[in-house]
Each structure stands twice: as C-alpha cells, then as structure tokens.
C-alpha cells in the first residue's frame, strides 16, 4: 500500500495520519503487507514520522524518484 501525501493544509495531513492509523490493524493482521508513505509530508517530517509510525515500512522523499 502506497500513500502519497501532498499536504498543504493541516486537514490533509490529518487525513493521511488517520489513514495510516487505520492501516496499522491491517499490518498487524497481515504482516506481509508493505506500507509506504511518500510525498511532501515525508520530506518535511521524516524523523518525526519514522518514530510515530513504526508500522510503516518505507518513507520515500519525492526527490528519491528518478524521472
């Protein structure tokens, strides 16, 4: 599961965090599921996100993708 976070407003950030919270149960029940978060939210808050979302497998900054 890949979530692309384009957060300009706090409400958009809250929606992404809520979705990731809901996916925590999926990850618990199906540890084979891979969760990834990408987008500008990751770029600005990667350390905070890694510590608060340990069930997410990958945090990908937008600049980590090649054209």
C-alpha atoms as a PDB file:
ATOM      1  CA  UNK A   1       0.000   0.000   0.000  1.00  0.00           C
ATOM      2  CA  UNK A   2       1.476   3.335  -1.056  1.00  0.00           C
ATOM      3  CA  UNK A   3       0.113   6.603   0.277  1.00  0.00           C
ATOM      4  CA  UNK A   4       1.141   9.787  -1.499  1.00  0.00           C
ATOM      5  CA  UNK A   5       0.969  12.703   0.895  1.00  0.00           C
ATOM      6  CA  UNK A   6       0.579  16.109  -0.635  1.00  0.00           C
ATOM      7  CA  UNK A   7      -0.184  18.178   2.418  1.00  0.00           C
ATOM      8  CA  UNK A   8      -0.755  21.867   2.042  1.00  0.00           C
ATOM      9  CA  UNK A   9      -3.226  22.147   4.908  1.00  0.00           C
ATOM     10  CA  UNK A  10      -3.362  20.585   8.340  1.00  0.00           C
ATOM     11  CA  UNK A  11      -6.609  18.821   7.422  1.00  0.00           C
ATOM     12  CA  UNK A  12      -4.848  16.988   4.577  1.00  0.00           C
ATOM     13  CA  UNK A  13      -2.050  15.918   6.914  1.00  0.00           C
ATOM     14  CA  UNK A  14      -4.622  14.719   9.448  1.00  0.00           C
ATOM     15  CA  UNK A  15      -6.327  12.593   6.766  1.00  0.00           C
ATOM     16  CA  UNK A  16      -3.049  10.890   5.856  1.00  0.00           C
ATOM     17  CA  UNK A  17      -2.244  10.184   9.504  1.00  0.00           C
ATOM     18  CA  UNK A  18      -5.767   8.853  10.067  1.00  0.00           C
ATOM     19  CA  UNK A  19      -5.473   6.514   7.078  1.00  0.00           C
ATOM     20  CA  UNK A  20      -2.097   5.265   8.324  1.00  0.00           C
ATOM     21  CA  UNK A  21      -3.590   4.695  11.750  1.00  0.00           C
ATOM     22  CA  UNK A  22      -6.348   2.595  10.175  1.00  0.00           C
ATOM     23  CA  UNK A  23      -3.775   0.613   8.206  1.00  0.00           C
ATOM     24  CA  UNK A  24      -1.986  -0.311  11.428  1.00  0.00           C
ATOM     25  CA  UNK A  25      -4.624  -3.004  12.075  1.00  0.00           C
ATOM     26  CA  UNK A  26      -4.150  -4.382   8.574  1.00  0.00           C
ATOM     27  CA  UNK A  27      -0.404  -4.594   9.144  1.00  0.00           C
ATOM     28  CA  UNK A  28      -0.947  -6.339  12.483  1.00  0.00           C
ATOM     29  CA  UNK A  29      -3.245  -8.939  10.915  1.00  0.00           C
ATOM     30  CA  UNK A  30      -1.226  -9.297   7.714  1.00  0.00           C
ATOM     31  CA  UNK A  31       2.452  -8.634   8.420  1.00  0.00           C
ATOM     32  CA  UNK A  32       3.267  -9.439   4.791  1.00  0.00           C
ATOM     33  CA  UNK A  33       1.553  -6.210   3.686  1.00  0.00           C
ATOM     34  CA  UNK A  34       4.065  -3.490   2.835  1.00  0.00           C
ATOM     35  CA  UNK A  35       3.167   0.081   3.788  1.00  0.00           C
ATOM     36  CA  UNK A  36       4.922   3.051   2.204  1.00  0.00           C
ATOM     37  CA  UNK A  37       4.468   6.782   2.599  1.00  0.00           C
ATOM     38  CA  UNK A  38       5.740   9.266   0.048  1.00  0.00           C
ATOM     39  CA  UNK A  39       5.213  12.920  -0.784  1.00  0.00           C
ATOM     40  CA  UNK A  40       5.957  16.323   0.640  1.00  0.00           C
ATOM     41  CA  UNK A  41       4.854  15.327   4.144  1.00  0.00           C
ATOM     42  CA  UNK A  42       7.731  12.840   4.261  1.00  0.00           C
ATOM     43  CA  UNK A  43      10.167  15.448   3.009  1.00  0.00           C
ATOM     44  CA  UNK A  44       9.476  17.859   5.853  1.00  0.00           C
ATOM     45  CA  UNK A  45       8.851  15.461   8.771  1.00  0.00           C
ATOM     46  CA  UNK A  46      10.681  12.212   8.065  1.00  0.00           C
ATOM     47  CA  UNK A  47      12.254  11.738  11.514  1.00  0.00           C
ATOM     48  CA  UNK A  48       9.010  12.500  13.335  1.00  0.00           C
ATOM     49  CA  UNK A  49       7.062  10.167  11.046  1.00  0.00           C
ATOM     50  CA  UNK A  50       9.519   7.294  11.436  1.00  0.00           C
ATOM     51  CA  UNK A  51       9.257   7.429  15.219  1.00  0.00           C
ATOM     52  CA  UNK A  52       5.473   7.831  15.346  1.00  0.00           C
ATOM     53  CA  UNK A  53       4.628   5.312  12.590  1.00  0.00           C
ATOM     54  CA  UNK A  54       6.783   2.223  13.195  1.00  0.00           C
ATOM     55  CA  UNK A  55       4.327   0.042  11.252  1.00  0.00           C
ATOM     56  CA  UNK A  56       5.161   1.895   8.014  1.00  0.00           C
ATOM     57  CA  UNK A  57       7.904   0.061   6.125  1.00  0.00           C
ATOM     58  CA  UNK A  58       9.154   2.782   3.786  1.00  0.00           C
ATOM     59  CA  UNK A  59       9.294   6.579   3.874  1.00  0.00           C
ATOM     60  CA  UNK A  60      10.170   7.931   0.448  1.00  0.00           C
ATOM     61  CA  UNK A  61      11.013  11.568  -0.171  1.00  0.00           C
ATOM     62  CA  UNK A  62       9.799  12.917  -3.526  1.00  0.00           C
ATOM     63  CA  UNK A  63      13.358  13.539  -4.696  1.00  0.00           C
ATOM     64  CA  UNK A  64      14.196   9.841  -4.218  1.00  0.00           C
ATOM     65  CA  UNK A  65      12.442   9.040  -7.510  1.00  0.00           C
ATOM     66  CA  UNK A  66      14.199   9.381 -10.855  1.00  0.00           C
ATOM     67  CA  UNK A  67      12.435  10.747 -13.915  1.00  0.00           C
END
